[in-house]
Full PDB file with SEQRES, HELIX, SHEET, SSBOND, CRYST1, ORIGX, SCALE, CONECT and MASTER records, all heavy atoms in Angstrom:
SEQRES   1 A   38  VAL PRO VAL LEU GLY VAL ASP PRO ARG TRP PRO MET VAL          
SEQRES   2 A   38  MET ASP VAL HIS GLY ARG TYR TYR PHE GLU PRO ASP ALA          
SEQRES   3 A   38  GLY GLY VAL LEU LEU SER PRO CYS ASP SER THR PRO              
SHEET    1 AA1 3 VAL A  13  MET A  14  0                                        
SHEET    2 AA1 3 TYR A  21  ASP A  25 -1                                        
SHEET    3 AA1 3 GLY A  28  SER A  32 -1                                        
CRYST1    1.000    1.000    1.000  90.00  90.00  90.00 P 1           1          
ORIGX1      1.000000  0.000000  0.000000        0.00000                         
ORIGX2      0.000000  1.000000  0.000000        0.00000                         
ORIGX3      0.000000  0.000000  1.000000        0.00000                         
SCALE1      1.000000  0.000000  0.000000        0.00000                         
SCALE2      0.000000  1.000000  0.000000        0.00000                         
SCALE3      0.000000  0.000000  1.000000        0.00000                         
ATOM      1  N   VAL A   1     157.295  79.527 163.741  1.00  0.00           N  
ATOM      2  CA  VAL A   1     156.421  79.507 164.891  1.00  0.00           C  
ATOM      3  C   VAL A   1     157.170  78.726 166.049  1.00  0.00           C  
ATOM      4  O   VAL A   1     157.413  77.485 165.889  1.00  0.00           O  
ATOM      5  CB  VAL A   1     155.112  78.808 164.575  1.00  0.00           C  
ATOM      6  CG1 VAL A   1     154.202  78.738 165.806  1.00  0.00           C  
ATOM      7  CG2 VAL A   1     154.400  79.538 163.376  1.00  0.00           C  
ATOM      8  N   PRO A   2     157.477  79.355 167.148  1.00  0.00           N  
ATOM      9  CA  PRO A   2     158.088  78.671 168.234  1.00  0.00           C  
ATOM     10  C   PRO A   2     156.999  77.783 168.925  1.00  0.00           C  
ATOM     11  O   PRO A   2     155.983  78.306 169.424  1.00  0.00           O  
ATOM     12  CB  PRO A   2     158.607  79.775 169.141  1.00  0.00           C  
ATOM     13  CG  PRO A   2     157.754  80.890 168.853  1.00  0.00           C  
ATOM     14  CD  PRO A   2     157.330  80.784 167.418  1.00  0.00           C  
ATOM     15  N   VAL A   3     157.219  76.479 169.045  1.00  0.00           N  
ATOM     16  CA  VAL A   3     156.192  75.626 169.560  1.00  0.00           C  
ATOM     17  C   VAL A   3     156.791  74.314 170.055  1.00  0.00           C  
ATOM     18  O   VAL A   3     157.802  73.816 169.436  1.00  0.00           O  
ATOM     19  CB  VAL A   3     155.094  75.360 168.530  1.00  0.00           C  
ATOM     20  CG1 VAL A   3     155.623  74.552 167.337  1.00  0.00           C  
ATOM     21  CG2 VAL A   3     153.934  74.593 169.140  1.00  0.00           C  
ATOM     22  N   LEU A   4     156.279  73.789 171.139  1.00  0.00           N  
ATOM     23  CA  LEU A   4     156.795  72.510 171.690  1.00  0.00           C  
ATOM     24  C   LEU A   4     156.047  71.343 170.956  1.00  0.00           C  
ATOM     25  O   LEU A   4     154.998  71.505 170.447  1.00  0.00           O  
ATOM     26  CB  LEU A   4     156.587  72.476 173.188  1.00  0.00           C  
ATOM     27  CG  LEU A   4     157.295  73.536 174.042  1.00  0.00           C  
ATOM     28  CD1 LEU A   4     156.926  73.439 175.482  1.00  0.00           C  
ATOM     29  CD2 LEU A   4     158.810  73.408 173.832  1.00  0.00           C  
ATOM     30  N   GLY A   5     156.662  70.195 171.146  1.00  0.00           N  
ATOM     31  CA  GLY A   5     155.974  68.965 170.635  1.00  0.00           C  
ATOM     32  C   GLY A   5     156.302  68.652 169.211  1.00  0.00           C  
ATOM     33  O   GLY A   5     155.601  67.797 168.585  1.00  0.00           O  
ATOM     34  N   VAL A   6     157.263  69.247 168.626  1.00  0.00           N  
ATOM     35  CA  VAL A   6     157.673  69.018 167.214  1.00  0.00           C  
ATOM     36  C   VAL A   6     158.809  67.991 167.137  1.00  0.00           C  
ATOM     37  O   VAL A   6     159.887  68.174 167.732  1.00  0.00           O  
ATOM     38  CB  VAL A   6     158.037  70.301 166.488  1.00  0.00           C  
ATOM     39  CG1 VAL A   6     158.474  70.006 165.016  1.00  0.00           C  
ATOM     40  CG2 VAL A   6     156.892  71.271 166.518  1.00  0.00           C  
ATOM     41  N   ASP A   7     158.600  66.946 166.422  1.00  0.00           N  
ATOM     42  CA  ASP A   7     159.653  65.897 166.184  1.00  0.00           C  
ATOM     43  C   ASP A   7     160.473  66.330 164.929  1.00  0.00           C  
ATOM     44  O   ASP A   7     159.903  66.493 163.864  1.00  0.00           O  
ATOM     45  CB  ASP A   7     159.022  64.552 165.958  1.00  0.00           C  
ATOM     46  CG  ASP A   7     160.085  63.464 165.884  1.00  0.00           C  
ATOM     47  OD1 ASP A   7     161.242  63.680 165.531  1.00  0.00           O  
ATOM     48  OD2 ASP A   7     159.680  62.238 166.245  1.00  0.00           O  
ATOM     49  N   PRO A   8     161.765  66.562 165.024  1.00  0.00           N  
ATOM     50  CA  PRO A   8     162.582  66.983 163.877  1.00  0.00           C  
ATOM     51  C   PRO A   8     162.589  65.987 162.755  1.00  0.00           C  
ATOM     52  O   PRO A   8     162.996  66.335 161.627  1.00  0.00           O  
ATOM     53  CB  PRO A   8     163.937  67.199 164.486  1.00  0.00           C  
ATOM     54  CG  PRO A   8     163.968  66.431 165.755  1.00  0.00           C  
ATOM     55  CD  PRO A   8     162.609  66.456 166.284  1.00  0.00           C  
ATOM     56  N   ARG A   9     162.157  64.794 163.045  1.00  0.00           N  
ATOM     57  CA  ARG A   9     162.098  63.736 161.936  1.00  0.00           C  
ATOM     58  C   ARG A   9     160.876  63.822 161.124  1.00  0.00           C  
ATOM     59  O   ARG A   9     160.739  63.050 160.125  1.00  0.00           O  
ATOM     60  CB  ARG A   9     162.265  62.338 162.611  1.00  0.00           C  
ATOM     61  CG  ARG A   9     163.604  62.163 163.306  1.00  0.00           C  
ATOM     62  CD  ARG A   9     163.588  60.845 164.114  1.00  0.00           C  
ATOM     63  NE  ARG A   9     162.588  60.948 165.210  1.00  0.00           N  
ATOM     64  CZ  ARG A   9     162.346  59.933 166.073  1.00  0.00           C  
ATOM     65  NH1 ARG A   9     163.053  58.821 165.951  1.00  0.00           N  
ATOM     66  NH2 ARG A   9     161.453  60.071 167.007  1.00  0.00           N  
ATOM     67  N   TRP A  10     159.895  64.673 161.491  1.00  0.00           N  
ATOM     68  CA  TRP A  10     158.688  64.745 160.661  1.00  0.00           C  
ATOM     69  C   TRP A  10     158.988  65.228 159.270  1.00  0.00           C  
ATOM     70  O   TRP A  10     159.943  66.021 159.064  1.00  0.00           O  
ATOM     71  CB  TRP A  10     157.686  65.752 161.323  1.00  0.00           C  
ATOM     72  CG  TRP A  10     157.029  65.283 162.528  1.00  0.00           C  
ATOM     73  CD1 TRP A  10     157.019  64.012 163.085  1.00  0.00           C  
ATOM     74  CD2 TRP A  10     156.273  66.098 163.447  1.00  0.00           C  
ATOM     75  NE1 TRP A  10     156.276  63.992 164.215  1.00  0.00           N  
ATOM     76  CE2 TRP A  10     155.763  65.225 164.528  1.00  0.00           C  
ATOM     77  CE3 TRP A  10     155.886  67.415 163.491  1.00  0.00           C  
ATOM     78  CZ2 TRP A  10     154.981  65.734 165.515  1.00  0.00           C  
ATOM     79  CZ3 TRP A  10     155.092  67.882 164.501  1.00  0.00           C  
ATOM     80  CH2 TRP A  10     154.690  67.040 165.492  1.00  0.00           C  
ATOM     81  N   PRO A  11     158.258  64.857 158.279  1.00  0.00           N  
ATOM     82  CA  PRO A  11     158.401  65.381 156.930  1.00  0.00           C  
ATOM     83  C   PRO A  11     157.740  66.791 156.840  1.00  0.00           C  
ATOM     84  O   PRO A  11     157.064  67.220 157.802  1.00  0.00           O  
ATOM     85  CB  PRO A  11     157.597  64.374 156.075  1.00  0.00           C  
ATOM     86  CG  PRO A  11     156.474  63.882 156.996  1.00  0.00           C  
ATOM     87  CD  PRO A  11     157.146  63.816 158.397  1.00  0.00           C  
ATOM     88  N   MET A  12     157.935  67.398 155.718  1.00  0.00           N  
ATOM     89  CA  MET A  12     157.134  68.564 155.474  1.00  0.00           C  
ATOM     90  C   MET A  12     155.721  68.118 155.255  1.00  0.00           C  
ATOM     91  O   MET A  12     155.511  67.075 154.609  1.00  0.00           O  
ATOM     92  CB  MET A  12     157.627  69.319 154.179  1.00  0.00           C  
ATOM     93  CG  MET A  12     156.721  70.441 153.731  1.00  0.00           C  
ATOM     94  SD  MET A  12     157.200  71.361 152.250  1.00  0.00           S  
ATOM     95  CE  MET A  12     158.548  72.330 152.919  1.00  0.00           C  
ATOM     96  N   VAL A  13     154.710  68.793 155.838  1.00  0.00           N  
ATOM     97  CA  VAL A  13     153.285  68.473 155.692  1.00  0.00           C  
ATOM     98  C   VAL A  13     152.677  69.537 154.779  1.00  0.00           C  
ATOM     99  O   VAL A  13     152.768  70.732 155.062  1.00  0.00           O  
ATOM    100  CB  VAL A  13     152.611  68.380 157.051  1.00  0.00           C  
ATOM    101  CG1 VAL A  13     151.112  68.140 156.899  1.00  0.00           C  
ATOM    102  CG2 VAL A  13     153.294  67.331 157.920  1.00  0.00           C  
ATOM    103  N   MET A  14     151.982  69.038 153.754  1.00  0.00           N  
ATOM    104  CA  MET A  14     151.375  69.970 152.779  1.00  0.00           C  
ATOM    105  C   MET A  14     149.937  69.622 152.551  1.00  0.00           C  
ATOM    106  O   MET A  14     149.603  68.414 152.258  1.00  0.00           O  
ATOM    107  CB  MET A  14     152.147  69.911 151.470  1.00  0.00           C  
ATOM    108  CG  MET A  14     151.717  70.946 150.474  1.00  0.00           C  
ATOM    109  SD  MET A  14     152.826  71.139 149.096  1.00  0.00           S  
ATOM    110  CE  MET A  14     154.201  72.042 149.882  1.00  0.00           C  
ATOM    111  N   ASP A  15     149.024  70.538 152.777  1.00  0.00           N  
ATOM    112  CA  ASP A  15     147.569  70.302 152.554  1.00  0.00           C  
ATOM    113  C   ASP A  15     147.266  70.199 151.112  1.00  0.00           C  
ATOM    114  O   ASP A  15     147.637  71.124 150.324  1.00  0.00           O  
ATOM    115  CB  ASP A  15     146.806  71.463 153.262  1.00  0.00           C  
ATOM    116  CG  ASP A  15     145.311  71.335 152.990  1.00  0.00           C  
ATOM    117  OD1 ASP A  15     144.750  70.254 153.211  1.00  0.00           O  
ATOM    118  OD2 ASP A  15     144.727  72.304 152.471  1.00  0.00           O  
ATOM    119  N   VAL A  16     146.581  69.173 150.701  1.00  0.00           N  
ATOM    120  CA  VAL A  16     146.372  68.982 149.267  1.00  0.00           C  
ATOM    121  C   VAL A  16     145.387  70.018 148.711  1.00  0.00           C  
ATOM    122  O   VAL A  16     145.312  70.285 147.463  1.00  0.00           O  
ATOM    123  CB  VAL A  16     145.783  67.566 149.042  1.00  0.00           C  
ATOM    124  CG1 VAL A  16     144.299  67.408 149.404  1.00  0.00           C  
ATOM    125  CG2 VAL A  16     145.957  67.159 147.546  1.00  0.00           C  
ATOM    126  N   HIS A  17     144.583  70.731 149.641  1.00  0.00           N  
ATOM    127  CA  HIS A  17     143.768  71.828 149.152  1.00  0.00           C  
ATOM    128  C   HIS A  17     144.503  73.126 149.000  1.00  0.00           C  
ATOM    129  O   HIS A  17     143.902  74.146 148.648  1.00  0.00           O  
ATOM    130  CB  HIS A  17     142.609  71.994 150.127  1.00  0.00           C  
ATOM    131  CG  HIS A  17     141.593  70.909 150.087  1.00  0.00           C  
ATOM    132  ND1 HIS A  17     140.923  70.531 148.997  1.00  0.00           N  
ATOM    133  CD2 HIS A  17     141.137  70.075 151.099  1.00  0.00           C  
ATOM    134  CE1 HIS A  17     140.079  69.542 149.295  1.00  0.00           C  
ATOM    135  NE2 HIS A  17     140.215  69.246 150.582  1.00  0.00           N  
ATOM    136  N   GLY A  18     145.765  73.129 149.372  1.00  0.00           N  
ATOM    137  CA  GLY A  18     146.565  74.332 149.226  1.00  0.00           C  
ATOM    138  C   GLY A  18     146.330  75.390 150.317  1.00  0.00           C  
ATOM    139  O   GLY A  18     146.490  76.570 150.070  1.00  0.00           O  
ATOM    140  N   ARG A  19     146.022  74.934 151.523  1.00  0.00           N  
ATOM    141  CA  ARG A  19     145.723  75.915 152.546  1.00  0.00           C  
ATOM    142  C   ARG A  19     146.898  76.167 153.497  1.00  0.00           C  
ATOM    143  O   ARG A  19     146.974  77.218 154.136  1.00  0.00           O  
ATOM    144  CB  ARG A  19     144.515  75.413 153.438  1.00  0.00           C  
ATOM    145  CG  ARG A  19     143.216  75.381 152.619  1.00  0.00           C  
ATOM    146  CD  ARG A  19     142.081  74.856 153.448  1.00  0.00           C  
ATOM    147  NE  ARG A  19     142.264  73.393 153.766  1.00  0.00           N  
ATOM    148  CZ  ARG A  19     141.346  72.567 154.180  1.00  0.00           C  
ATOM    149  NH1 ARG A  19     140.132  73.110 154.374  1.00  0.00           N  
ATOM    150  NH2 ARG A  19     141.597  71.359 154.458  1.00  0.00           N  
ATOM    151  N   TYR A  20     147.839  75.244 153.526  1.00  0.00           N  
ATOM    152  CA  TYR A  20     149.025  75.403 154.369  1.00  0.00           C  
ATOM    153  C   TYR A  20     150.061  74.391 154.113  1.00  0.00           C  
ATOM    154  O   TYR A  20     149.781  73.320 153.454  1.00  0.00           O  
ATOM    155  CB  TYR A  20     148.615  75.264 155.916  1.00  0.00           C  
ATOM    156  CG  TYR A  20     148.147  73.907 156.270  1.00  0.00           C  
ATOM    157  CD1 TYR A  20     149.009  72.876 156.602  1.00  0.00           C  
ATOM    158  CD2 TYR A  20     146.808  73.634 156.237  1.00  0.00           C  
ATOM    159  CE1 TYR A  20     148.537  71.607 157.000  1.00  0.00           C  
ATOM    160  CE2 TYR A  20     146.355  72.368 156.557  1.00  0.00           C  
ATOM    161  CZ  TYR A  20     147.195  71.364 156.897  1.00  0.00           C  
ATOM    162  OH  TYR A  20     146.735  70.076 157.238  1.00  0.00           O  
ATOM    163  N   TYR A  21     151.325  74.710 154.522  1.00  0.00           N  
ATOM    164  CA  TYR A  21     152.327  73.684 154.664  1.00  0.00           C  
ATOM    165  C   TYR A  21     153.162  74.040 155.868  1.00  0.00           C  
ATOM    166  O   TYR A  21     153.279  75.228 156.319  1.00  0.00           O  
ATOM    167  CB  TYR A  21     153.199  73.460 153.456  1.00  0.00           C  
ATOM    168  CG  TYR A  21     154.214  74.581 153.102  1.00  0.00           C  
ATOM    169  CD1 TYR A  21     155.374  74.764 153.820  1.00  0.00           C  
ATOM    170  CD2 TYR A  21     153.975  75.417 152.048  1.00  0.00           C  
ATOM    171  CE1 TYR A  21     156.269  75.762 153.538  1.00  0.00           C  
ATOM    172  CE2 TYR A  21     154.831  76.443 151.715  1.00  0.00           C  
ATOM    173  CZ  TYR A  21     156.032  76.601 152.447  1.00  0.00           C  
ATOM    174  OH  TYR A  21     156.931  77.608 152.111  1.00  0.00           O  
ATOM    175  N   PHE A  22     153.747  73.030 156.500  1.00  0.00           N  
ATOM    176  CA  PHE A  22     154.710  73.291 157.642  1.00  0.00           C  
ATOM    177  C   PHE A  22     155.716  72.210 157.661  1.00  0.00           C  
ATOM    178  O   PHE A  22     155.513  71.091 157.165  1.00  0.00           O  
ATOM    179  CB  PHE A  22     153.984  73.467 158.955  1.00  0.00           C  
ATOM    180  CG  PHE A  22     153.333  72.178 159.461  1.00  0.00           C  
ATOM    181  CD1 PHE A  22     154.114  71.290 160.324  1.00  0.00           C  
ATOM    182  CD2 PHE A  22     152.003  71.891 159.256  1.00  0.00           C  
ATOM    183  CE1 PHE A  22     153.521  70.117 160.786  1.00  0.00           C  
ATOM    184  CE2 PHE A  22     151.476  70.718 159.750  1.00  0.00           C  
ATOM    185  CZ  PHE A  22     152.195  69.815 160.528  1.00  0.00           C  
ATOM    186  N   GLU A  23     156.927  72.493 158.260  1.00  0.00           N  
ATOM    187  CA  GLU A  23     157.924  71.518 158.410  1.00  0.00           C  
ATOM    188  C   GLU A  23     158.701  71.883 159.731  1.00  0.00           C  
ATOM    189  O   GLU A  23     158.686  73.022 160.178  1.00  0.00           O  
ATOM    190  CB  GLU A  23     158.893  71.481 157.238  1.00  0.00           C  
ATOM    191  CG  GLU A  23     159.712  72.768 157.045  1.00  0.00           C  
ATOM    192  CD  GLU A  23     160.704  72.649 155.939  1.00  0.00           C  
ATOM    193  OE1 GLU A  23     160.882  71.561 155.404  1.00  0.00           O  
ATOM    194  OE2 GLU A  23     161.370  73.683 155.607  1.00  0.00           O  
ATOM    195  N   PRO A  24     159.323  70.900 160.361  1.00  0.00           N  
ATOM    196  CA  PRO A  24     160.140  71.150 161.562  1.00  0.00           C  
ATOM    197  C   PRO A  24     161.169  72.177 161.287  1.00  0.00           C  
ATOM    198  O   PRO A  24     161.846  72.187 160.259  1.00  0.00           O  
ATOM    199  CB  PRO A  24     160.716  69.784 161.876  1.00  0.00           C  
ATOM    200  CG  PRO A  24     159.811  68.770 161.207  1.00  0.00           C  
ATOM    201  CD  PRO A  24     159.344  69.444 159.985  1.00  0.00           C  
ATOM    202  N   ASP A  25     161.382  73.036 162.259  1.00  0.00           N  
ATOM    203  CA  ASP A  25     162.456  74.034 162.269  1.00  0.00           C  
ATOM    204  C   ASP A  25     162.953  74.093 163.712  1.00  0.00           C  
ATOM    205  O   ASP A  25     162.207  73.740 164.603  1.00  0.00           O  
ATOM    206  CB  ASP A  25     161.892  75.392 161.818  1.00  0.00           C  
ATOM    207  CG  ASP A  25     162.955  76.410 161.656  1.00  0.00           C  
ATOM    208  OD1 ASP A  25     163.612  76.436 160.601  1.00  0.00           O  
ATOM    209  OD2 ASP A  25     163.272  77.192 162.591  1.00  0.00           O  
ATOM    210  N   ALA A  26     164.208  74.529 163.880  1.00  0.00           N  
ATOM    211  CA  ALA A  26     164.805  74.535 165.232  1.00  0.00           C  
ATOM    212  C   ALA A  26     163.836  75.291 166.177  1.00  0.00           C  
ATOM    213  O   ALA A  26     163.581  76.433 166.050  1.00  0.00           O  
ATOM    214  CB  ALA A  26     166.118  75.235 165.178  1.00  0.00           C  
ATOM    215  N   GLY A  27     163.365  74.563 167.214  1.00  0.00           N  
ATOM    216  CA  GLY A  27     162.517  75.105 168.249  1.00  0.00           C  
ATOM    217  C   GLY A  27     161.080  75.348 167.858  1.00  0.00           C  
ATOM    218  O   GLY A  27     160.343  76.016 168.518  1.00  0.00           O  
ATOM    219  N   GLY A  28     160.649  74.748 166.715  1.00  0.00           N  
ATOM    220  CA  GLY A  28     159.256  74.918 166.250  1.00  0.00           C  
ATOM    221  C   GLY A  28     159.076  74.421 164.838  1.00  0.00           C  
ATOM    222  O   GLY A  28     159.570  73.412 164.453  1.00  0.00           O  
ATOM    223  N   VAL A  29     158.287  75.213 164.094  1.00  0.00           N  
ATOM    224  CA  VAL A  29     157.992  74.874 162.750  1.00  0.00           C  
ATOM    225  C   VAL A  29     158.091  76.071 161.826  1.00  0.00           C  
ATOM    226  O   VAL A  29     157.855  77.204 162.202  1.00  0.00           O  
ATOM    227  CB  VAL A  29     156.569  74.256 162.527  1.00  0.00           C  
ATOM    228  CG1 VAL A  29     156.400  72.966 163.278  1.00  0.00           C  
ATOM    229  CG2 VAL A  29     155.474  75.257 162.935  1.00  0.00           C  
ATOM    230  N   LEU A  30     158.453  75.779 160.588  1.00  0.00           N  
ATOM    231  CA  LEU A  30     158.339  76.835 159.508  1.00  0.00           C  
ATOM    232  C   LEU A  30     156.961  76.602 158.849  1.00  0.00           C  
ATOM    233  O   LEU A  30     156.640  75.486 158.408  1.00  0.00           O  
ATOM    234  CB  LEU A  30     159.445  76.594 158.440  1.00  0.00           C  
ATOM    235  CG  LEU A  30     159.548  77.646 157.365  1.00  0.00           C  
ATOM    236  CD1 LEU A  30     160.935  77.658 156.768  1.00  0.00           C  
ATOM    237  CD2 LEU A  30     158.588  77.402 156.201  1.00  0.00           C  
ATOM    238  N   LEU A  31     156.190  77.665 158.815  1.00  0.00           N  
ATOM    239  CA  LEU A  31     154.802  77.606 158.431  1.00  0.00           C  
ATOM    240  C   LEU A  31     154.438  78.548 157.319  1.00  0.00           C  
ATOM    241  O   LEU A  31     154.967  79.721 157.321  1.00  0.00           O  
ATOM    242  CB  LEU A  31     153.936  77.893 159.674  1.00  0.00           C  
ATOM    243  CG  LEU A  31     152.456  78.088 159.477  1.00  0.00           C  
ATOM    244  CD1 LEU A  31     151.736  76.802 159.020  1.00  0.00           C  
ATOM    245  CD2 LEU A  31     151.818  78.621 160.761  1.00  0.00           C  
ATOM    246  N   SER A  32     153.591  78.150 156.377  1.00  0.00           N  
ATOM    247  CA  SER A  32     153.065  79.056 155.348  1.00  0.00           C  
ATOM    248  C   SER A  32     151.620  78.847 155.114  1.00  0.00           C  
ATOM    249  O   SER A  32     151.138  77.680 155.143  1.00  0.00           O  
ATOM    250  CB  SER A  32     153.861  78.857 154.068  1.00  0.00           C  
ATOM    251  OG  SER A  32     153.254  79.588 153.011  1.00  0.00           O  
ATOM    252  N   PRO A  33     150.892  79.930 154.860  1.00  0.00           N  
ATOM    253  CA  PRO A  33     149.430  79.712 154.544  1.00  0.00           C  
ATOM    254  C   PRO A  33     149.242  79.424 153.015  1.00  0.00           C  
ATOM    255  O   PRO A  33     148.142  79.451 152.549  1.00  0.00           O  
ATOM    256  CB  PRO A  33     148.831  81.039 154.887  1.00  0.00           C  
ATOM    257  CG  PRO A  33     149.921  82.010 154.640  1.00  0.00           C  
ATOM    258  CD  PRO A  33     151.214  81.339 155.022  1.00  0.00           C  
ATOM    259  N   CYS A  34     150.319  79.231 152.283  1.00  0.00           N  
ATOM    260  CA  CYS A  34     150.270  78.934 150.870  1.00  0.00           C  
ATOM    261  C   CYS A  34     149.557  80.073 150.086  1.00  0.00           C  
ATOM    262  O   CYS A  34     148.851  79.776 149.092  1.00  0.00           O  
ATOM    263  CB  CYS A  34     149.585  77.598 150.584  1.00  0.00           C  
ATOM    264  SG  CYS A  34     150.590  76.185 151.230  1.00  0.00           S  
ATOM    265  N   ASP A  35     149.706  81.288 150.542  1.00  0.00           N  
ATOM    266  CA  ASP A  35     149.093  82.387 149.838  1.00  0.00           C  
ATOM    267  C   ASP A  35     149.766  82.542 148.483  1.00  0.00           C  
ATOM    268  O   ASP A  35     150.907  82.189 148.308  1.00  0.00           O  
ATOM    269  CB  ASP A  35     149.175  83.678 150.605  1.00  0.00           C  
ATOM    270  CG  ASP A  35     150.637  83.972 151.157  1.00  0.00           C  
ATOM    271  OD1 ASP A  35     151.249  82.956 151.599  1.00  0.00           O  
ATOM    272  OD2 ASP A  35     151.022  85.105 151.169  1.00  0.00           O  
ATOM    273  N   SER A  36     148.982  83.076 147.574  1.00  0.00           N  
ATOM    274  CA  SER A  36     149.508  83.339 146.159  1.00  0.00           C  
ATOM    275  C   SER A  36     148.890  84.617 145.668  1.00  0.00           C  
ATOM    276  O   SER A  36     148.131  84.559 144.705  1.00  0.00           O  
ATOM    277  CB  SER A  36     149.182  82.125 145.329  1.00  0.00           C  
ATOM    278  OG  SER A  36     149.800  82.212 144.003  1.00  0.00           O  
ATOM    279  N   THR A  37     149.284  85.722 146.288  1.00  0.00           N  
ATOM    280  CA  THR A  37     148.634  87.007 146.048  1.00  0.00           C  
ATOM    281  C   THR A  37     149.352  87.750 144.910  1.00  0.00           C  
ATOM    282  O   THR A  37     150.582  87.940 144.951  1.00  0.00           O  
ATOM    283  CB  THR A  37     148.761  87.926 147.271  1.00  0.00           C  
ATOM    284  OG1 THR A  37     148.161  87.153 148.400  1.00  0.00           O  
ATOM    285  CG2 THR A  37     147.954  89.266 147.063  1.00  0.00           C  
ATOM    286  N   PRO A  38     148.633  88.098 143.870  1.00  0.00           N  
ATOM    287  CA  PRO A  38     149.346  88.829 142.738  1.00  0.00           C  
ATOM    288  C   PRO A  38     150.053  90.126 143.246  1.00  0.00           C  
ATOM    289  O   PRO A  38     149.493  90.788 144.145  1.00  0.00           O  
ATOM    290  CB  PRO A  38     148.126  89.187 141.784  1.00  0.00           C  
ATOM    291  CG  PRO A  38     147.168  88.125 142.032  1.00  0.00           C  
ATOM    292  CD  PRO A  38     147.249  87.859 143.521  1.00  0.00           C  
TER     293      PRO A  38                                                      
MASTER        0    0    0    0    3    0    0    6  292    1    0    3          
END                                                                             
C-alpha cells in the first residue's frame, strides 16, 4: 500500500484478534488481512 506518514523504524504490527498485520515497506506498508482460506 503506497502511503505517506510511515516511519521505516516501526515494527511489524499484528492484531491479536488475527484481523491484520502490516509493516513498513519502501514508500508505504506491506499489509495482510490475515486471511486463512482453505
